[in-house]
Amino acid sequence: MDNAFLIIVLAVACISVGIVRIGSWVIAHHEQEQTRVLLQQVYAACAIAQVRAEVRRG
């Protein structure tokens, strides 16, 4: 009976660690995607500013 309890405790611990790791990966992936989108917006804003500057120069 003691071995069965130990196996259950170890299984629960492993599952908990797995859930935490998956959650951490999801958060990191989401942050990476947000950073990529932000960089695209910055590049677009720079391109627009450059075009506007060139138009003003004539």
PDB file of N, CA and C in Angstrom:
ATOM      1  N   MET A   1       0.824  -1.202   0.000  1.00  0.00           N
ATOM      2  CA  MET A   1       0.000   0.000   0.000  1.00  0.00           C
ATOM      3  C   MET A   1       0.858   1.251   0.000  1.00  0.00           C
ATOM      4  N   ASP A   2       1.980   1.223   0.727  1.00  0.00           N
ATOM      5  CA  ASP A   2       2.866   2.369   0.788  1.00  0.00           C
ATOM      6  C   ASP A   2       3.461   2.671  -0.586  1.00  0.00           C
ATOM      7  N   ASN A   3       3.808   1.616  -1.337  1.00  0.00           N
ATOM      8  CA  ASN A   3       4.367   1.818  -2.675  1.00  0.00           C
ATOM      9  C   ASN A   3       3.340   2.454  -3.613  1.00  0.00           C
ATOM     10  N   ALA A   4       2.094   2.031  -3.494  1.00  0.00           N
ATOM     11  CA  ALA A   4       1.044   2.593  -4.343  1.00  0.00           C
ATOM     12  C   ALA A   4       0.856   4.079  -4.038  1.00  0.00           C
ATOM     13  N   PHE A   5       0.887   4.441  -2.773  1.00  0.00           N
ATOM     14  CA  PHE A   5       0.748   5.849  -2.385  1.00  0.00           C
ATOM     15  C   PHE A   5       1.925   6.665  -2.919  1.00  0.00           C
ATOM     16  N   LEU A   6       3.129   6.128  -2.811  1.00  0.00           N
ATOM     17  CA  LEU A   6       4.324   6.804  -3.309  1.00  0.00           C
ATOM     18  C   LEU A   6       4.241   7.006  -4.826  1.00  0.00           C
ATOM     19  N   ILE A   7       3.777   6.006  -5.529  1.00  0.00           N
ATOM     20  CA  ILE A   7       3.623   6.116  -6.987  1.00  0.00           C
ATOM     21  C   ILE A   7       2.607   7.198  -7.335  1.00  0.00           C
ATOM     22  N   ILE A   8       1.516   7.258  -6.592  1.00  0.00           N
ATOM     23  CA  ILE A   8       0.497   8.291  -6.844  1.00  0.00           C
ATOM     24  C   ILE A   8       1.081   9.680  -6.582  1.00  0.00           C
ATOM     25  N   VAL A   9       1.803   9.825  -5.481  1.00  0.00           N
ATOM     26  CA  VAL A   9       2.406  11.122  -5.153  1.00  0.00           C
ATOM     27  C   VAL A   9       3.399  11.530  -6.233  1.00  0.00           C
ATOM     28  N   LEU A  10       4.231  10.608  -6.677  1.00  0.00           N
ATOM     29  CA  LEU A  10       5.202  10.916  -7.727  1.00  0.00           C
ATOM     30  C   LEU A  10       4.509  11.263  -9.042  1.00  0.00           C
ATOM     31  N   ALA A  11       3.447  10.564  -9.358  1.00  0.00           N
ATOM     32  CA  ALA A  11       2.701  10.852 -10.592  1.00  0.00           C
ATOM     33  C   ALA A  11       2.098  12.253 -10.541  1.00  0.00           C
ATOM     34  N   VAL A  12       1.505  12.601  -9.408  1.00  0.00           N
ATOM     35  CA  VAL A  12       0.918  13.937  -9.250  1.00  0.00           C
ATOM     36  C   VAL A  12       2.001  15.005  -9.352  1.00  0.00           C
ATOM     37  N   ALA A  13       3.155  14.767  -8.751  1.00  0.00           N
ATOM     38  CA  ALA A  13       4.259  15.724  -8.821  1.00  0.00           C
ATOM     39  C   ALA A  13       4.743  15.895 -10.257  1.00  0.00           C
ATOM     40  N   CYS A  14       4.879  14.808 -10.982  1.00  0.00           N
ATOM     41  CA  CYS A  14       5.322  14.883 -12.376  1.00  0.00           C
ATOM     42  C   CYS A  14       4.313  15.622 -13.242  1.00  0.00           C
ATOM     43  N   ILE A  15       3.052  15.354 -13.032  1.00  0.00           N
ATOM     44  CA  ILE A  15       2.004  16.040 -13.792  1.00  0.00           C
ATOM     45  C   ILE A  15       2.028  17.532 -13.474  1.00  0.00           C
ATOM     46  N   SER A  16       2.206  17.883 -12.207  1.00  0.00           N
ATOM     47  CA  SER A  16       2.256  19.288 -11.808  1.00  0.00           C
ATOM     48  C   SER A  16       3.429  20.005 -12.467  1.00  0.00           C
ATOM     49  N   VAL A  17       4.584  19.369 -12.465  1.00  0.00           N
ATOM     50  CA  VAL A  17       5.766  19.956 -13.107  1.00  0.00           C
ATOM     51  C   VAL A  17       5.513  20.121 -14.605  1.00  0.00           C
ATOM     52  N   GLY A  18       4.901  19.135 -15.223  1.00  0.00           N
ATOM     53  CA  GLY A  18       4.584  19.223 -16.649  1.00  0.00           C
ATOM     54  C   GLY A  18       3.646  20.372 -16.953  1.00  0.00           C
ATOM     55  N   ILE A  19       2.633  20.553 -16.124  1.00  0.00           N
ATOM     56  CA  ILE A  19       1.684  21.659 -16.321  1.00  0.00           C
ATOM     57  C   ILE A  19       2.392  23.000 -16.194  1.00  0.00           C
ATOM     58  N   VAL A  20       3.260  23.126 -15.209  1.00  0.00           N
ATOM     59  CA  VAL A  20       4.002  24.381 -15.022  1.00  0.00           C
ATOM     60  C   VAL A  20       4.898  24.648 -16.224  1.00  0.00           C
ATOM     61  N   ARG A  21       5.567  23.630 -16.718  1.00  0.00           N
ATOM     62  CA  ARG A  21       6.447  23.815 -17.883  1.00  0.00           C
ATOM     63  C   ARG A  21       5.661  24.198 -19.125  1.00  0.00           C
ATOM     64  N   ILE A  22       4.539  23.551 -19.344  1.00  0.00           N
ATOM     65  CA  ILE A  22       3.705  23.884 -20.504  1.00  0.00           C
ATOM     66  C   ILE A  22       3.191  25.318 -20.375  1.00  0.00           C
ATOM     67  N   GLY A  23       2.761  25.690 -19.185  1.00  0.00           N
ATOM     68  CA  GLY A  23       2.293  27.060 -18.956  1.00  0.00           C
ATOM     69  C   GLY A  23       3.387  28.075 -19.209  1.00  0.00           C
ATOM     70  N   SER A  24       4.589  27.784 -18.754  1.00  0.00           N
ATOM     71  CA  SER A  24       5.719  28.688 -18.985  1.00  0.00           C
ATOM     72  C   SER A  24       6.017  28.817 -20.469  1.00  0.00           C
ATOM     73  N   TRP A  25       5.949  27.699 -21.189  1.00  0.00           N
ATOM     74  CA  TRP A  25       6.204  27.734 -22.635  1.00  0.00           C
ATOM     75  C   TRP A  25       5.147  28.567 -23.347  1.00  0.00           C
ATOM     76  N   VAL A  26       3.881  28.406 -22.954  1.00  0.00           N
ATOM     77  CA  VAL A  26       2.798  29.168 -23.582  1.00  0.00           C
ATOM     78  C   VAL A  26       2.997  30.665 -23.341  1.00  0.00           C
ATOM     79  N   ILE A  27       3.344  31.027 -22.130  1.00  0.00           N
ATOM     80  CA  ILE A  27       3.566  32.442 -21.804  1.00  0.00           C
ATOM     81  C   ILE A  27       4.732  32.991 -22.614  1.00  0.00           C
ATOM     82  N   ALA A  28       5.838  32.256 -22.677  1.00  0.00           N
ATOM     83  CA  ALA A  28       7.008  32.709 -23.428  1.00  0.00           C
ATOM     84  C   ALA A  28       6.676  32.842 -24.913  1.00  0.00           C
ATOM     85  N   HIS A  29       5.936  31.885 -25.452  1.00  0.00           N
ATOM     86  CA  HIS A  29       5.563  31.928 -26.865  1.00  0.00           C
ATOM     87  C   HIS A  29       4.673  33.144 -27.150  1.00  0.00           C
ATOM     88  N   HIS A  30       3.748  33.418 -26.251  1.00  0.00           N
ATOM     89  CA  HIS A  30       2.846  34.560 -26.414  1.00  0.00           C
ATOM     90  C   HIS A  30       3.634  35.877 -26.370  1.00  0.00           C
ATOM     91  N   GLU A  31       4.588  35.987 -25.434  1.00  0.00           N
ATOM     92  CA  GLU A  31       5.412  37.191 -25.335  1.00  0.00           C
ATOM     93  C   GLU A  31       6.266  37.365 -26.587  1.00  0.00           C
ATOM     94  N   GLN A  32       6.778  36.272 -27.115  1.00  0.00           N
ATOM     95  CA  GLN A  32       7.582  36.333 -28.329  1.00  0.00           C
ATOM     96  C   GLN A  32       6.739  36.838 -29.500  1.00  0.00           C
ATOM     97  N   GLU A  33       5.511  36.372 -29.597  1.00  0.00           N
ATOM     98  CA  GLU A  33       4.614  36.808 -30.667  1.00  0.00           C
ATOM     99  C   GLU A  33       4.288  38.294 -30.518  1.00  0.00           C
ATOM    100  N   GLN A  34       4.052  38.746 -29.296  1.00  0.00           N
ATOM    101  CA  GLN A  34       3.773  40.157 -29.063  1.00  0.00           C
ATOM    102  C   GLN A  34       4.971  41.019 -29.453  1.00  0.00           C
ATOM    103  N   THR A  35       6.174  40.564 -29.143  1.00  0.00           N
ATOM    104  CA  THR A  35       7.387  41.294 -29.501  1.00  0.00           C
ATOM    105  C   THR A  35       7.531  41.374 -31.012  1.00  0.00           C
ATOM    106  N   ARG A  36       7.239  40.295 -31.711  1.00  0.00           N
ATOM    107  CA  ARG A  36       7.333  40.279 -33.178  1.00  0.00           C
ATOM    108  C   ARG A  36       6.357  41.287 -33.786  1.00  0.00           C
ATOM    109  N   VAL A  37       5.124  41.307 -33.279  1.00  0.00           N
ATOM    110  CA  VAL A  37       4.118  42.237 -33.788  1.00  0.00           C
ATOM    111  C   VAL A  37       4.544  43.679 -33.507  1.00  0.00           C
ATOM    112  N   LEU A  38       5.069  43.929 -32.312  1.00  0.00           N
ATOM    113  CA  LEU A  38       5.516  45.276 -31.971  1.00  0.00           C
ATOM    114  C   LEU A  38       6.649  45.724 -32.888  1.00  0.00           C
ATOM    115  N   LEU A  39       7.590  44.839 -33.175  1.00  0.00           N
ATOM    116  CA  LEU A  39       8.682  45.189 -34.088  1.00  0.00           C
ATOM    117  C   LEU A  39       8.161  45.494 -35.483  1.00  0.00           C
ATOM    118  N   GLN A  40       7.188  44.727 -35.951  1.00  0.00           N
ATOM    119  CA  GLN A  40       6.591  45.009 -37.263  1.00  0.00           C
ATOM    120  C   GLN A  40       5.949  46.390 -37.277  1.00  0.00           C
ATOM    121  N   GLN A  41       5.287  46.758 -36.198  1.00  0.00           N
ATOM    122  CA  GLN A  41       4.656  48.069 -36.124  1.00  0.00           C
ATOM    123  C   GLN A  41       5.692  49.186 -36.115  1.00  0.00           C
ATOM    124  N   VAL A  42       6.785  48.963 -35.420  1.00  0.00           N
ATOM    125  CA  VAL A  42       7.863  49.959 -35.385  1.00  0.00           C
ATOM    126  C   VAL A  42       8.478  50.122 -36.767  1.00  0.00           C
ATOM    127  N   TYR A  43       8.750  49.016 -37.444  1.00  0.00           N
ATOM    128  CA  TYR A  43       9.313  49.098 -38.796  1.00  0.00           C
ATOM    129  C   TYR A  43       8.355  49.816 -39.746  1.00  0.00           C
ATOM    130  N   ALA A  44       7.069  49.538 -39.633  1.00  0.00           N
ATOM    131  CA  ALA A  44       6.083  50.200 -40.482  1.00  0.00           C
ATOM    132  C   ALA A  44       6.045  51.695 -40.193  1.00  0.00           C
ATOM    133  N   ALA A  45       6.093  52.074 -38.932  1.00  0.00           N
ATOM    134  CA  ALA A  45       6.088  53.495 -38.567  1.00  0.00           C
ATOM    135  C   ALA A  45       7.332  54.194 -39.104  1.00  0.00           C
ATOM    136  N   CYS A  46       8.475  53.528 -39.049  1.00  0.00           N
ATOM    137  CA  CYS A  46       9.711  54.104 -39.588  1.00  0.00           C
ATOM    138  C   CYS A  46       9.618  54.281 -41.098  1.00  0.00           C
ATOM    139  N   ALA A  47       9.066  53.305 -41.773  1.00  0.00           N
ATOM    140  CA  ALA A  47       8.918  53.393 -43.229  1.00  0.00           C
ATOM    141  C   ALA A  47       7.980  54.536 -43.601  1.00  0.00           C
ATOM    142  N   ILE A  48       6.891  54.682 -42.875  1.00  0.00           N
ATOM    143  CA  ILE A  48       5.945  55.773 -43.138  1.00  0.00           C
ATOM    144  C   ILE A  48       6.617  57.120 -42.904  1.00  0.00           C
ATOM    145  N   ALA A  49       7.358  57.232 -41.813  1.00  0.00           N
ATOM    146  CA  ALA A  49       8.055  58.489 -41.514  1.00  0.00           C
ATOM    147  C   ALA A  49       9.079  58.812 -42.596  1.00  0.00           C
ATOM    148  N   GLN A  50       9.769  57.816 -43.098  1.00  0.00           N
ATOM    149  CA  GLN A  50      10.755  58.036 -44.143  1.00  0.00           C
ATOM    150  C   GLN A  50      10.083  58.518 -45.434  1.00  0.00           C
ATOM    151  N   VAL A  51       8.967  57.891 -45.796  1.00  0.00           N
ATOM    152  CA  VAL A  51       8.239  58.302 -46.997  1.00  0.00           C
ATOM    153  C   VAL A  51       7.735  59.729 -46.848  1.00  0.00           C
ATOM    154  N   ARG A  52       7.198  60.080 -45.700  1.00  0.00           N
ATOM    155  CA  ARG A  52       6.704  61.428 -45.458  1.00  0.00           C
ATOM    156  C   ARG A  52       7.835  62.457 -45.572  1.00  0.00           C
ATOM    157  N   ALA A  53       8.998  62.113 -45.022  1.00  0.00           N
ATOM    158  CA  ALA A  53      10.142  63.016 -45.099  1.00  0.00           C
ATOM    159  C   ALA A  53      10.573  63.224 -46.554  1.00  0.00           C
ATOM    160  N   GLU A  54      10.551  62.164 -47.328  1.00  0.00           N
ATOM    161  CA  GLU A  54      10.933  62.269 -48.747  1.00  0.00           C
ATOM    162  C   GLU A  54       9.913  63.084 -49.534  1.00  0.00           C
ATOM    163  N   VAL A  55       8.634  62.951 -49.201  1.00  0.00           N
ATOM    164  CA  VAL A  55       7.587  63.709 -49.891  1.00  0.00           C
ATOM    165  C   VAL A  55       7.732  65.197 -49.568  1.00  0.00           C
ATOM    166  N   ARG A  56       8.051  65.510 -48.334  1.00  0.00           N
ATOM    167  CA  ARG A  56       8.212  66.919 -47.931  1.00  0.00           C
ATOM    168  C   ARG A  56       9.403  67.549 -48.646  1.00  0.00           C
ATOM    169  N   ARG A  57      10.453  66.766 -48.878  1.00  0.00           N
ATOM    170  CA  ARG A  57      11.629  67.291 -49.566  1.00  0.00           C
ATOM    171  C   ARG A  57      11.327  67.568 -51.030  1.00  0.00           C
ATOM    172  N   GLY A  58      10.392  66.828 -51.543  1.00  0.00           N
ATOM    173  CA  GLY A  58       9.981  67.035 -52.931  1.00  0.00           C
ATOM    174  C   GLY A  58      10.745  66.194 -53.830  1.00  0.00           C
TER     175      GLY A  58
END
